[in-house]
């Protein structure tokens, strides 16, 4: 039995393959489920990668520290 992915799995996947490819992947997956009668259009996947999150702020802070900046300007 495989371990269930943790909460950051899709964020890491999005970083690796990009938002456009992950959107196509989810759409194809949804199409296959609907073809087999296993799902309907009850919900829509929304990529919120452009929203500011605590995680993105931490990533930005870590990059700034690595680049020698003392503080962020935001």
N, C-alpha and C. Protein backbone atom coordinates (compact mmCIF):
# COMPACT_ATOMS: atom_id res chain seq x y z
N UNK A 1 0.84 -1.18 0.00
CA UNK A 1 0.00 0.00 0.00
C UNK A 1 0.89 1.24 0.00
N UNK A 2 0.60 2.18 -0.89
CA UNK A 2 1.40 3.40 -0.99
C UNK A 2 0.97 4.42 0.05
N UNK A 3 1.94 5.21 0.47
CA UNK A 3 1.68 6.28 1.43
C UNK A 3 0.90 7.40 0.75
N UNK A 4 -0.07 7.99 1.45
CA UNK A 4 -0.84 9.12 0.93
C UNK A 4 0.05 10.34 0.83
N UNK A 5 0.02 11.07 -0.31
CA UNK A 5 0.84 12.27 -0.43
C UNK A 5 0.49 13.30 0.65
N UNK A 6 1.49 14.05 1.10
CA UNK A 6 1.21 15.06 2.12
C UNK A 6 0.64 16.32 1.47
N UNK A 7 0.38 17.33 2.28
CA UNK A 7 -0.32 18.54 1.86
C UNK A 7 0.41 19.34 0.79
N UNK A 8 1.71 19.18 0.65
CA UNK A 8 2.45 20.00 -0.32
C UNK A 8 2.68 19.30 -1.66
N UNK A 9 2.13 18.11 -1.84
CA UNK A 9 2.37 17.34 -3.06
C UNK A 9 2.03 18.12 -4.34
N UNK A 10 0.83 18.69 -4.40
CA UNK A 10 0.40 19.39 -5.61
C UNK A 10 1.16 20.71 -5.82
N UNK A 11 1.55 21.35 -4.73
CA UNK A 11 2.37 22.57 -4.86
C UNK A 11 3.71 22.24 -5.48
N UNK A 12 4.32 21.16 -5.02
CA UNK A 12 5.62 20.74 -5.57
C UNK A 12 5.48 20.29 -7.01
N UNK A 13 4.39 19.58 -7.32
CA UNK A 13 4.15 19.13 -8.69
C UNK A 13 3.96 20.33 -9.62
N UNK A 14 3.21 21.33 -9.16
CA UNK A 14 2.98 22.54 -9.95
C UNK A 14 4.30 23.26 -10.24
N UNK A 15 5.18 23.32 -9.24
CA UNK A 15 6.49 23.95 -9.43
C UNK A 15 7.31 23.21 -10.48
N UNK A 16 7.21 21.87 -10.49
CA UNK A 16 8.01 21.06 -11.41
C UNK A 16 7.52 21.12 -12.85
N UNK A 17 6.18 21.04 -13.04
CA UNK A 17 5.67 20.94 -14.42
C UNK A 17 4.95 22.19 -14.91
N UNK A 18 4.65 23.13 -14.04
CA UNK A 18 4.00 24.37 -14.45
C UNK A 18 2.49 24.30 -14.36
N UNK A 19 1.87 25.46 -14.23
CA UNK A 19 0.42 25.53 -14.02
C UNK A 19 -0.37 25.11 -15.26
N UNK A 20 0.14 25.41 -16.46
CA UNK A 20 -0.59 25.05 -17.67
C UNK A 20 -0.67 23.53 -17.83
N UNK A 21 0.45 22.85 -17.61
CA UNK A 21 0.47 21.39 -17.76
C UNK A 21 -0.37 20.71 -16.68
N UNK A 22 -0.31 21.23 -15.46
CA UNK A 22 -1.10 20.60 -14.40
C UNK A 22 -2.59 20.81 -14.64
N UNK A 23 -2.97 21.96 -15.22
CA UNK A 23 -4.37 22.19 -15.57
C UNK A 23 -4.84 21.20 -16.62
N UNK A 24 -4.02 20.97 -17.64
CA UNK A 24 -4.35 19.99 -18.68
C UNK A 24 -4.47 18.59 -18.09
N UNK A 25 -3.56 18.25 -17.17
CA UNK A 25 -3.58 16.94 -16.52
C UNK A 25 -4.90 16.74 -15.75
N UNK A 26 -5.29 17.73 -14.96
CA UNK A 26 -6.54 17.62 -14.20
C UNK A 26 -7.75 17.55 -15.14
N UNK A 27 -7.73 18.33 -16.22
CA UNK A 27 -8.85 18.28 -17.17
C UNK A 27 -8.97 16.92 -17.84
N UNK A 28 -7.85 16.33 -18.25
CA UNK A 28 -7.87 15.00 -18.86
C UNK A 28 -8.35 13.96 -17.87
N UNK A 29 -7.88 14.05 -16.64
CA UNK A 29 -8.30 13.12 -15.59
C UNK A 29 -9.81 13.22 -15.37
N UNK A 30 -10.31 14.45 -15.28
CA UNK A 30 -11.76 14.66 -15.10
C UNK A 30 -12.56 14.14 -16.28
N UNK A 31 -12.05 14.35 -17.50
CA UNK A 31 -12.73 13.84 -18.70
C UNK A 31 -12.86 12.32 -18.65
N UNK A 32 -11.78 11.64 -18.26
CA UNK A 32 -11.79 10.17 -18.18
C UNK A 32 -12.79 9.69 -17.13
N UNK A 33 -12.83 10.37 -15.99
CA UNK A 33 -13.78 9.99 -14.94
C UNK A 33 -15.23 10.17 -15.42
N UNK A 34 -15.49 11.29 -16.13
CA UNK A 34 -16.85 11.54 -16.64
C UNK A 34 -17.23 10.52 -17.72
N UNK A 35 -16.28 10.15 -18.59
CA UNK A 35 -16.53 9.15 -19.64
C UNK A 35 -16.98 7.83 -19.04
N UNK A 36 -16.43 7.47 -17.90
CA UNK A 36 -16.75 6.20 -17.24
C UNK A 36 -17.92 6.34 -16.27
N UNK A 37 -18.50 7.53 -16.18
CA UNK A 37 -19.65 7.74 -15.29
C UNK A 37 -19.27 7.79 -13.82
N UNK A 38 -18.01 8.06 -13.54
CA UNK A 38 -17.54 8.08 -12.15
C UNK A 38 -17.54 9.48 -11.54
N UNK A 39 -17.78 10.51 -12.35
CA UNK A 39 -17.78 11.88 -11.85
C UNK A 39 -18.69 12.72 -12.72
N UNK A 40 -19.09 13.86 -12.19
CA UNK A 40 -19.87 14.83 -12.96
C UNK A 40 -19.25 16.21 -12.73
N UNK A 41 -19.82 17.22 -13.32
CA UNK A 41 -19.28 18.57 -13.17
C UNK A 41 -19.81 19.24 -11.93
N UNK A 42 -19.53 18.67 -10.78
CA UNK A 42 -19.99 19.22 -9.52
C UNK A 42 -19.07 20.35 -9.04
N UNK A 43 -17.79 20.23 -9.34
CA UNK A 43 -16.84 21.25 -8.90
C UNK A 43 -15.84 21.53 -10.01
N UNK A 44 -15.10 22.61 -9.85
CA UNK A 44 -14.07 22.99 -10.81
C UNK A 44 -12.76 23.17 -10.05
N UNK A 45 -11.68 22.65 -10.59
CA UNK A 45 -10.36 22.84 -10.00
C UNK A 45 -9.89 24.25 -10.31
N UNK A 46 -9.46 24.96 -9.29
CA UNK A 46 -8.95 26.32 -9.47
C UNK A 46 -7.53 26.37 -8.96
N UNK A 47 -6.62 26.83 -9.79
CA UNK A 47 -5.23 26.96 -9.40
C UNK A 47 -5.03 28.34 -8.76
N UNK A 48 -4.69 28.34 -7.51
CA UNK A 48 -4.51 29.60 -6.78
C UNK A 48 -3.03 29.96 -6.63
N UNK A 49 -2.23 29.54 -7.58
CA UNK A 49 -0.78 29.76 -7.46
C UNK A 49 -0.40 31.24 -7.49
N UNK A 50 -1.24 32.10 -8.03
CA UNK A 50 -0.91 33.52 -8.09
C UNK A 50 -1.27 34.26 -6.80
N UNK A 51 -1.97 33.57 -5.90
CA UNK A 51 -2.33 34.18 -4.63
C UNK A 51 -1.12 34.16 -3.69
N UNK A 52 -0.98 35.20 -2.89
CA UNK A 52 0.10 35.25 -1.92
C UNK A 52 -0.27 34.34 -0.75
N UNK A 53 0.63 33.46 -0.41
CA UNK A 53 0.40 32.57 0.72
C UNK A 53 1.57 32.65 1.68
N UNK A 54 1.36 32.12 2.87
CA UNK A 54 2.45 32.10 3.84
C UNK A 54 3.64 31.34 3.27
N UNK A 55 3.38 30.23 2.59
CA UNK A 55 4.47 29.44 2.04
C UNK A 55 5.27 30.23 1.02
N UNK A 56 4.58 30.95 0.12
CA UNK A 56 5.31 31.72 -0.88
C UNK A 56 6.10 32.85 -0.24
N UNK A 57 5.57 33.43 0.84
CA UNK A 57 6.31 34.48 1.55
C UNK A 57 7.56 33.92 2.21
N UNK A 58 7.46 32.71 2.77
CA UNK A 58 8.63 32.08 3.37
C UNK A 58 9.67 31.78 2.29
N UNK A 59 9.22 31.27 1.15
CA UNK A 59 10.14 30.98 0.04
C UNK A 59 10.83 32.26 -0.42
N UNK A 60 10.05 33.35 -0.53
CA UNK A 60 10.61 34.63 -0.95
C UNK A 60 11.62 35.14 0.08
N UNK A 61 11.30 34.99 1.34
CA UNK A 61 12.21 35.42 2.41
C UNK A 61 13.52 34.63 2.35
N UNK A 62 13.41 33.31 2.17
CA UNK A 62 14.61 32.47 2.12
C UNK A 62 15.49 32.84 0.93
N UNK A 63 14.88 33.15 -0.21
CA UNK A 63 15.65 33.56 -1.39
C UNK A 63 16.33 34.90 -1.14
N UNK A 64 15.64 35.83 -0.47
CA UNK A 64 16.22 37.14 -0.17
C UNK A 64 17.42 36.99 0.76
N UNK A 65 17.29 36.14 1.77
CA UNK A 65 18.39 35.91 2.71
C UNK A 65 19.57 35.30 1.95
N UNK A 66 19.28 34.34 1.09
CA UNK A 66 20.33 33.70 0.29
C UNK A 66 21.05 34.72 -0.59
N UNK A 67 20.29 35.70 -1.12
CA UNK A 67 20.86 36.74 -1.98
C UNK A 67 21.54 37.86 -1.18
N UNK A 68 21.52 37.76 0.15
CA UNK A 68 22.20 38.75 0.96
C UNK A 68 21.36 39.93 1.38
N UNK A 69 20.06 39.92 1.08
CA UNK A 69 19.19 41.02 1.50
C UNK A 69 18.87 40.87 2.98
N UNK A 70 18.73 41.99 3.65
CA UNK A 70 18.44 41.93 5.09
C UNK A 70 16.94 41.89 5.38
N UNK A 71 16.11 42.44 4.48
CA UNK A 71 14.66 42.39 4.69
C UNK A 71 13.95 42.47 3.34
N UNK A 72 12.69 42.05 3.34
CA UNK A 72 11.88 42.11 2.13
C UNK A 72 11.20 43.46 2.02
N UNK A 73 10.92 43.88 0.82
CA UNK A 73 10.26 45.16 0.59
C UNK A 73 8.82 44.93 0.13
N UNK A 74 8.01 44.35 1.01
CA UNK A 74 6.60 44.13 0.66
C UNK A 74 5.72 44.27 1.84
